[in-house]
Amino acid sequence: MLSLIYLSIVLFTIFLMECLSWFIHKYLFHGVLWFMHKSHHQPTKSLFEWNDLFALLFAGISLYLMYIDREVFGYRFFIGLGITLYGLIYFVIHDWFIHRRFKTFKSNNRYLSSIRKAHKIHHKNIGKNNSKAFGLLFVNKKTLDKL
Protein backbone atom coordinates (compact mmCIF):
# COMPACT_ATOMS: atom_id res chain seq x y z
CA MET A 1 0.00 0.00 0.00
CA LEU A 2 2.85 2.36 0.83
CA SER A 3 4.29 1.77 -2.65
CA LEU A 4 1.02 3.00 -4.21
CA ILE A 5 1.13 6.13 -2.06
CA TYR A 6 4.71 6.86 -3.11
CA LEU A 7 3.89 6.19 -6.76
CA SER A 8 0.92 8.56 -6.45
CA ILE A 9 3.17 11.23 -4.94
CA VAL A 10 5.63 10.90 -7.84
CA LEU A 11 2.91 11.02 -10.52
CA PHE A 12 1.08 13.91 -8.85
CA THR A 13 4.38 15.81 -8.56
CA ILE A 14 5.01 15.33 -12.29
CA PHE A 15 1.52 16.69 -12.99
CA LEU A 16 2.07 19.65 -10.64
CA MET A 17 5.44 20.37 -12.23
CA GLU A 18 3.78 20.69 -15.62
CA CYS A 19 1.23 23.12 -14.16
CA LEU A 20 3.92 25.05 -12.29
CA SER A 21 6.15 25.13 -15.37
CA TRP A 22 3.31 26.56 -17.45
CA PHE A 23 2.73 29.29 -14.86
CA ILE A 24 6.43 30.09 -14.43
CA HIS A 25 6.98 30.09 -18.20
CA LYS A 26 4.06 32.41 -18.93
CA TYR A 27 4.32 34.86 -16.06
CA LEU A 28 7.99 34.83 -15.03
CA PHE A 29 10.03 33.70 -18.05
CA HIS A 30 8.03 35.95 -20.37
CA GLY A 31 7.92 38.57 -17.60
CA VAL A 32 10.61 39.67 -15.17
CA LEU A 33 12.96 36.77 -16.04
CA TRP A 34 12.86 37.45 -19.78
CA PHE A 35 16.46 38.69 -19.66
CA MET A 36 17.52 35.06 -19.11
CA HIS A 37 14.78 33.21 -20.99
CA LYS A 38 15.22 35.21 -24.21
CA SER A 39 18.35 33.15 -24.93
CA HIS A 40 15.98 30.27 -25.60
CA HIS A 41 14.06 32.28 -28.22
CA GLN A 42 17.15 33.38 -30.14
CA PRO A 43 19.14 31.27 -32.59
CA THR A 44 22.34 29.93 -31.09
CA LYS A 45 25.14 27.57 -32.00
CA SER A 46 26.13 27.12 -28.38
CA LEU A 47 25.32 23.92 -26.52
CA PHE A 48 24.19 25.92 -23.48
CA GLU A 49 21.98 28.99 -23.07
CA TRP A 50 21.26 31.25 -20.10
CA ASN A 51 17.83 29.64 -19.98
CA ASP A 52 19.46 26.35 -18.89
CA LEU A 53 20.10 27.85 -15.45
CA PHE A 54 16.42 27.25 -14.66
CA ALA A 55 16.96 23.50 -15.09
CA LEU A 56 19.86 23.67 -12.64
CA LEU A 57 17.64 25.44 -10.11
CA PHE A 58 14.97 22.71 -10.26
CA ALA A 59 17.65 20.00 -10.19
CA GLY A 60 19.04 21.55 -7.02
CA ILE A 61 15.61 21.60 -5.39
CA SER A 62 14.91 17.98 -6.29
CA LEU A 63 18.33 16.80 -5.10
CA TYR A 64 17.88 18.68 -1.84
CA LEU A 65 14.49 17.05 -1.21
CA MET A 66 15.84 13.58 -1.93
CA TYR A 67 18.94 14.21 0.19
CA ILE A 68 17.09 15.31 3.32
CA ASP A 69 14.84 12.23 3.17
CA ARG A 70 17.47 9.73 1.99
CA GLU A 71 17.48 7.69 5.17
CA VAL A 72 13.72 7.22 5.59
CA PHE A 73 12.50 7.56 2.01
CA GLY A 74 9.67 9.81 3.14
CA TYR A 75 7.29 11.89 1.03
CA ARG A 76 9.93 14.59 0.36
CA PHE A 77 12.17 12.01 -1.29
CA PHE A 78 9.37 11.04 -3.67
CA ILE A 79 8.48 14.67 -4.41
CA GLY A 80 12.14 15.18 -5.31
CA LEU A 81 12.01 12.05 -7.46
CA GLY A 82 8.90 13.38 -9.24
CA ILE A 83 10.67 16.69 -9.95
CA THR A 84 13.68 14.77 -11.26
CA LEU A 85 11.51 12.60 -13.53
CA TYR A 86 9.70 15.68 -14.84
CA GLY A 87 13.09 17.21 -15.59
CA LEU A 88 14.10 14.09 -17.48
CA ILE A 89 10.82 14.08 -19.44
CA TYR A 90 11.29 17.78 -20.17
CA PHE A 91 14.86 17.25 -21.35
CA VAL A 92 13.96 14.37 -23.68
CA ILE A 93 10.86 15.98 -25.16
CA HIS A 94 11.84 19.66 -25.19
CA ASP A 95 15.59 19.79 -25.67
CA TRP A 96 16.19 16.54 -27.49
CA PHE A 97 13.02 15.95 -29.53
CA ILE A 98 11.61 19.44 -30.19
CA HIS A 99 14.71 21.66 -30.31
CA ARG A 100 17.06 18.89 -31.46
CA ARG A 101 19.91 20.07 -29.29
CA PHE A 102 21.29 16.58 -29.76
CA LYS A 103 20.88 14.17 -32.66
CA THR A 104 17.19 13.55 -32.38
CA PHE A 105 15.04 10.52 -32.66
CA LYS A 106 12.29 10.59 -35.23
CA SER A 107 8.70 9.88 -34.43
CA ASN A 108 5.37 10.03 -36.21
CA ASN A 109 3.56 9.63 -32.92
CA ARG A 110 0.48 11.86 -32.98
CA TYR A 111 0.94 13.09 -29.42
CA LEU A 112 4.63 13.98 -29.91
CA SER A 113 3.82 15.69 -33.22
CA SER A 114 1.19 17.86 -31.53
CA ILE A 115 3.65 18.80 -28.77
CA ARG A 116 6.17 19.84 -31.42
CA LYS A 117 3.52 21.86 -33.30
CA ALA A 118 2.40 23.63 -30.13
CA HIS A 119 5.99 24.53 -29.32
CA LYS A 120 6.48 25.90 -32.84
CA ILE A 121 3.47 28.13 -32.19
CA HIS A 122 5.17 29.32 -29.01
CA HIS A 123 8.40 30.15 -30.84
CA LYS A 124 6.63 31.81 -33.75
CA ASN A 125 6.90 35.02 -31.77
CA ILE A 126 10.54 35.57 -30.77
CA GLY A 127 9.73 38.41 -28.42
CA LYS A 128 8.66 38.63 -24.81
CA ASN A 129 4.98 39.39 -25.48
CA ASN A 130 2.16 37.79 -27.47
CA SER A 131 3.41 34.20 -27.16
CA LYS A 132 1.04 31.27 -26.88
CA ALA A 133 1.31 27.61 -25.80
CA PHE A 134 3.43 27.83 -22.64
CA GLY A 135 3.09 24.21 -21.52
CA LEU A 136 4.91 21.11 -22.63
CA LEU A 137 2.92 17.95 -21.97
CA PHE A 138 -0.64 19.23 -22.33
CA VAL A 139 -1.61 20.52 -25.76
CA ASN A 140 -4.68 22.67 -26.35
CA LYS A 141 -6.39 21.54 -29.57
CA LYS A 142 -7.62 25.10 -30.22
CA THR A 143 -4.03 26.30 -30.26
CA LEU A 144 -3.06 23.60 -32.76
CA ASP A 145 -5.95 24.51 -35.04
CA LYS A 146 -4.39 27.97 -35.45
CA LEU A 147 -1.22 26.53 -36.97
C-alpha atoms as a PDB file:
ATOM      1  CA  MET A   1       0.000   0.000   0.000  1.00  0.00           C
ATOM      2  CA  LEU A   2       2.851   2.360   0.828  1.00  0.00           C
ATOM      3  CA  SER A   3       4.294   1.770  -2.653  1.00  0.00           C
ATOM      4  CA  LEU A   4       1.024   3.005  -4.206  1.00  0.00           C
ATOM      5  CA  ILE A   5       1.129   6.128  -2.057  1.00  0.00           C
ATOM      6  CA  TYR A   6       4.710   6.859  -3.108  1.00  0.00           C
ATOM      7  CA  LEU A   7       3.894   6.193  -6.765  1.00  0.00           C
ATOM      8  CA  SER A   8       0.918   8.556  -6.447  1.00  0.00           C
ATOM      9  CA  ILE A   9       3.167  11.232  -4.943  1.00  0.00           C
ATOM     10  CA  VAL A  10       5.626  10.895  -7.836  1.00  0.00           C
ATOM     11  CA  LEU A  11       2.909  11.022 -10.518  1.00  0.00           C
ATOM     12  CA  PHE A  12       1.084  13.910  -8.847  1.00  0.00           C
ATOM     13  CA  THR A  13       4.379  15.808  -8.555  1.00  0.00           C
ATOM     14  CA  ILE A  14       5.008  15.333 -12.286  1.00  0.00           C
ATOM     15  CA  PHE A  15       1.517  16.689 -12.989  1.00  0.00           C
ATOM     16  CA  LEU A  16       2.066  19.649 -10.643  1.00  0.00           C
ATOM     17  CA  MET A  17       5.445  20.369 -12.227  1.00  0.00           C
ATOM     18  CA  GLU A  18       3.780  20.685 -15.623  1.00  0.00           C
ATOM     19  CA  CYS A  19       1.232  23.117 -14.159  1.00  0.00           C
ATOM     20  CA  LEU A  20       3.922  25.052 -12.289  1.00  0.00           C
ATOM     21  CA  SER A  21       6.147  25.126 -15.371  1.00  0.00           C
ATOM     22  CA  TRP A  22       3.311  26.564 -17.452  1.00  0.00           C
ATOM     23  CA  PHE A  23       2.727  29.291 -14.856  1.00  0.00           C
ATOM     24  CA  ILE A  24       6.427  30.092 -14.431  1.00  0.00           C
ATOM     25  CA  HIS A  25       6.981  30.093 -18.198  1.00  0.00           C
ATOM     26  CA  LYS A  26       4.064  32.406 -18.930  1.00  0.00           C
ATOM     27  CA  TYR A  27       4.323  34.857 -16.056  1.00  0.00           C
ATOM     28  CA  LEU A  28       7.985  34.826 -15.032  1.00  0.00           C
ATOM     29  CA  PHE A  29      10.029  33.701 -18.051  1.00  0.00           C
ATOM     30  CA  HIS A  30       8.028  35.954 -20.369  1.00  0.00           C
ATOM     31  CA  GLY A  31       7.920  38.569 -17.602  1.00  0.00           C
ATOM     32  CA  VAL A  32      10.610  39.667 -15.167  1.00  0.00           C
ATOM     33  CA  LEU A  33      12.957  36.772 -16.036  1.00  0.00           C
ATOM     34  CA  TRP A  34      12.857  37.445 -19.781  1.00  0.00           C
ATOM     35  CA  PHE A  35      16.464  38.692 -19.656  1.00  0.00           C
ATOM     36  CA  MET A  36      17.519  35.055 -19.108  1.00  0.00           C
ATOM     37  CA  HIS A  37      14.779  33.213 -20.990  1.00  0.00           C
ATOM     38  CA  LYS A  38      15.221  35.211 -24.206  1.00  0.00           C
ATOM     39  CA  SER A  39      18.353  33.154 -24.934  1.00  0.00           C
ATOM     40  CA  HIS A  40      15.977  30.275 -25.602  1.00  0.00           C
ATOM     41  CA  HIS A  41      14.058  32.275 -28.222  1.00  0.00           C
ATOM     42  CA  GLN A  42      17.150  33.375 -30.135  1.00  0.00           C
ATOM     43  CA  PRO A  43      19.136  31.270 -32.589  1.00  0.00           C
ATOM     44  CA  THR A  44      22.344  29.928 -31.090  1.00  0.00           C
ATOM     45  CA  LYS A  45      25.143  27.574 -31.997  1.00  0.00           C
ATOM     46  CA  SER A  46      26.127  27.116 -28.380  1.00  0.00           C
ATOM     47  CA  LEU A  47      25.324  23.924 -26.521  1.00  0.00           C
ATOM     48  CA  PHE A  48      24.189  25.916 -23.483  1.00  0.00           C
ATOM     49  CA  GLU A  49      21.979  28.989 -23.068  1.00  0.00           C
ATOM     50  CA  TRP A  50      21.258  31.246 -20.102  1.00  0.00           C
ATOM     51  CA  ASN A  51      17.829  29.640 -19.979  1.00  0.00           C
ATOM     52  CA  ASP A  52      19.463  26.346 -18.888  1.00  0.00           C
ATOM     53  CA  LEU A  53      20.100  27.846 -15.451  1.00  0.00           C
ATOM     54  CA  PHE A  54      16.422  27.251 -14.664  1.00  0.00           C
ATOM     55  CA  ALA A  55      16.961  23.503 -15.090  1.00  0.00           C
ATOM     56  CA  LEU A  56      19.858  23.665 -12.640  1.00  0.00           C
ATOM     57  CA  LEU A  57      17.638  25.439 -10.111  1.00  0.00           C
ATOM     58  CA  PHE A  58      14.970  22.714 -10.262  1.00  0.00           C
ATOM     59  CA  ALA A  59      17.651  19.999 -10.192  1.00  0.00           C
ATOM     60  CA  GLY A  60      19.039  21.548  -7.018  1.00  0.00           C
ATOM     61  CA  ILE A  61      15.608  21.599  -5.386  1.00  0.00           C
ATOM     62  CA  SER A  62      14.914  17.976  -6.291  1.00  0.00           C
ATOM     63  CA  LEU A  63      18.327  16.799  -5.104  1.00  0.00           C
ATOM     64  CA  TYR A  64      17.884  18.675  -1.837  1.00  0.00           C
ATOM     65  CA  LEU A  65      14.488  17.048  -1.210  1.00  0.00           C
ATOM     66  CA  MET A  66      15.841  13.579  -1.933  1.00  0.00           C
ATOM     67  CA  TYR A  67      18.938  14.208   0.191  1.00  0.00           C
ATOM     68  CA  ILE A  68      17.089  15.315   3.321  1.00  0.00           C
ATOM     69  CA  ASP A  69      14.842  12.234   3.168  1.00  0.00           C
ATOM     70  CA  ARG A  70      17.475   9.734   1.988  1.00  0.00           C
ATOM     71  CA  GLU A  71      17.482   7.690   5.171  1.00  0.00           C
ATOM     72  CA  VAL A  72      13.723   7.218   5.588  1.00  0.00           C
ATOM     73  CA  PHE A  73      12.500   7.565   2.005  1.00  0.00           C
ATOM     74  CA  GLY A  74       9.669   9.814   3.141  1.00  0.00           C
ATOM     75  CA  TYR A  75       7.288  11.886   1.033  1.00  0.00           C
ATOM     76  CA  ARG A  76       9.927  14.587   0.357  1.00  0.00           C
ATOM     77  CA  PHE A  77      12.174  12.009  -1.291  1.00  0.00           C
ATOM     78  CA  PHE A  78       9.374  11.041  -3.672  1.00  0.00           C
ATOM     79  CA  ILE A  79       8.480  14.671  -4.406  1.00  0.00           C
ATOM     80  CA  GLY A  80      12.143  15.182  -5.315  1.00  0.00           C
ATOM     81  CA  LEU A  81      12.010  12.051  -7.457  1.00  0.00           C
ATOM     82  CA  GLY A  82       8.901  13.380  -9.242  1.00  0.00           C
ATOM     83  CA  ILE A  83      10.669  16.690  -9.953  1.00  0.00           C
ATOM     84  CA  THR A  84      13.677  14.772 -11.261  1.00  0.00           C
ATOM     85  CA  LEU A  85      11.513  12.603 -13.527  1.00  0.00           C
ATOM     86  CA  TYR A  86       9.697  15.677 -14.839  1.00  0.00           C
ATOM     87  CA  GLY A  87      13.092  17.210 -15.589  1.00  0.00           C
ATOM     88  CA  LEU A  88      14.098  14.086 -17.483  1.00  0.00           C
ATOM     89  CA  ILE A  89      10.821  14.079 -19.443  1.00  0.00           C
ATOM     90  CA  TYR A  90      11.289  17.785 -20.172  1.00  0.00           C
ATOM     91  CA  PHE A  91      14.855  17.254 -21.350  1.00  0.00           C
ATOM     92  CA  VAL A  92      13.964  14.369 -23.676  1.00  0.00           C
ATOM     93  CA  ILE A  93      10.863  15.980 -25.164  1.00  0.00           C
ATOM     94  CA  HIS A  94      11.835  19.662 -25.191  1.00  0.00           C
ATOM     95  CA  ASP A  95      15.589  19.790 -25.665  1.00  0.00           C
ATOM     96  CA  TRP A  96      16.185  16.544 -27.493  1.00  0.00           C
ATOM     97  CA  PHE A  97      13.015  15.954 -29.533  1.00  0.00           C
ATOM     98  CA  ILE A  98      11.610  19.437 -30.187  1.00  0.00           C
ATOM     99  CA  HIS A  99      14.713  21.657 -30.315  1.00  0.00           C
ATOM    100  CA  ARG A 100      17.059  18.895 -31.459  1.00  0.00           C
ATOM    101  CA  ARG A 101      19.912  20.070 -29.295  1.00  0.00           C
ATOM    102  CA  PHE A 102      21.285  16.585 -29.763  1.00  0.00           C
ATOM    103  CA  LYS A 103      20.883  14.174 -32.661  1.00  0.00           C
ATOM    104  CA  THR A 104      17.186  13.550 -32.377  1.00  0.00           C
ATOM    105  CA  PHE A 105      15.044  10.519 -32.655  1.00  0.00           C
ATOM    106  CA  LYS A 106      12.291  10.591 -35.232  1.00  0.00           C
ATOM    107  CA  SER A 107       8.699   9.878 -34.428  1.00  0.00           C
ATOM    108  CA  ASN A 108       5.372  10.028 -36.207  1.00  0.00           C
ATOM    109  CA  ASN A 109       3.556   9.633 -32.918  1.00  0.00           C
ATOM    110  CA  ARG A 110       0.476  11.861 -32.975  1.00  0.00           C
ATOM    111  CA  TYR A 111       0.941  13.095 -29.418  1.00  0.00           C
ATOM    112  CA  LEU A 112       4.627  13.980 -29.915  1.00  0.00           C
ATOM    113  CA  SER A 113       3.822  15.694 -33.218  1.00  0.00           C
ATOM    114  CA  SER A 114       1.190  17.860 -31.531  1.00  0.00           C
ATOM    115  CA  ILE A 115       3.649  18.801 -28.772  1.00  0.00           C
ATOM    116  CA  ARG A 116       6.166  19.842 -31.419  1.00  0.00           C
ATOM    117  CA  LYS A 117       3.521  21.861 -33.301  1.00  0.00           C
ATOM    118  CA  ALA A 118       2.405  23.631 -30.133  1.00  0.00           C
ATOM    119  CA  HIS A 119       5.990  24.534 -29.318  1.00  0.00           C
ATOM    120  CA  LYS A 120       6.484  25.902 -32.840  1.00  0.00           C
ATOM    121  CA  ILE A 121       3.472  28.132 -32.189  1.00  0.00           C
ATOM    122  CA  HIS A 122       5.173  29.321 -29.006  1.00  0.00           C
ATOM    123  CA  HIS A 123       8.401  30.151 -30.839  1.00  0.00           C
ATOM    124  CA  LYS A 124       6.628  31.812 -33.747  1.00  0.00           C
ATOM    125  CA  ASN A 125       6.904  35.019 -31.766  1.00  0.00           C
ATOM    126  CA  ILE A 126      10.543  35.573 -30.773  1.00  0.00           C
ATOM    127  CA  GLY A 127       9.732  38.409 -28.417  1.00  0.00           C
ATOM    128  CA  LYS A 128       8.655  38.628 -24.807  1.00  0.00           C
ATOM    129  CA  ASN A 129       4.981  39.391 -25.481  1.00  0.00           C
ATOM    130  CA  ASN A 130       2.156  37.788 -27.471  1.00  0.00           C
ATOM    131  CA  SER A 131       3.412  34.203 -27.157  1.00  0.00           C
ATOM    132  CA  LYS A 132       1.036  31.266 -26.883  1.00  0.00           C
ATOM    133  CA  ALA A 133       1.307  27.608 -25.796  1.00  0.00           C
ATOM    134  CA  PHE A 134       3.432  27.829 -22.645  1.00  0.00           C
ATOM    135  CA  GLY A 135       3.089  24.211 -21.517  1.00  0.00           C
ATOM    136  CA  LEU A 136       4.905  21.113 -22.633  1.00  0.00           C
ATOM    137  CA  LEU A 137       2.922  17.947 -21.970  1.00  0.00           C
ATOM    138  CA  PHE A 138      -0.645  19.226 -22.333  1.00  0.00           C
ATOM    139  CA  VAL A 139      -1.608  20.521 -25.757  1.00  0.00           C
ATOM    140  CA  ASN A 140      -4.678  22.670 -26.350  1.00  0.00           C
ATOM    141  CA  LYS A 141      -6.391  21.535 -29.569  1.00  0.00           C
ATOM    142  CA  LYS A 142      -7.618  25.095 -30.216  1.00  0.00           C
ATOM    143  CA  THR A 143      -4.030  26.301 -30.260  1.00  0.00           C
ATOM    144  CA  LEU A 144      -3.060  23.600 -32.762  1.00  0.00           C
ATOM    145  CA  ASP A 145      -5.952  24.512 -35.041  1.00  0.00           C
ATOM    146  CA  LYS A 146      -4.387  27.975 -35.447  1.00  0.00           C
ATOM    147  CA  LEU A 147      -1.220  26.528 -36.968  1.00  0.00           C
END
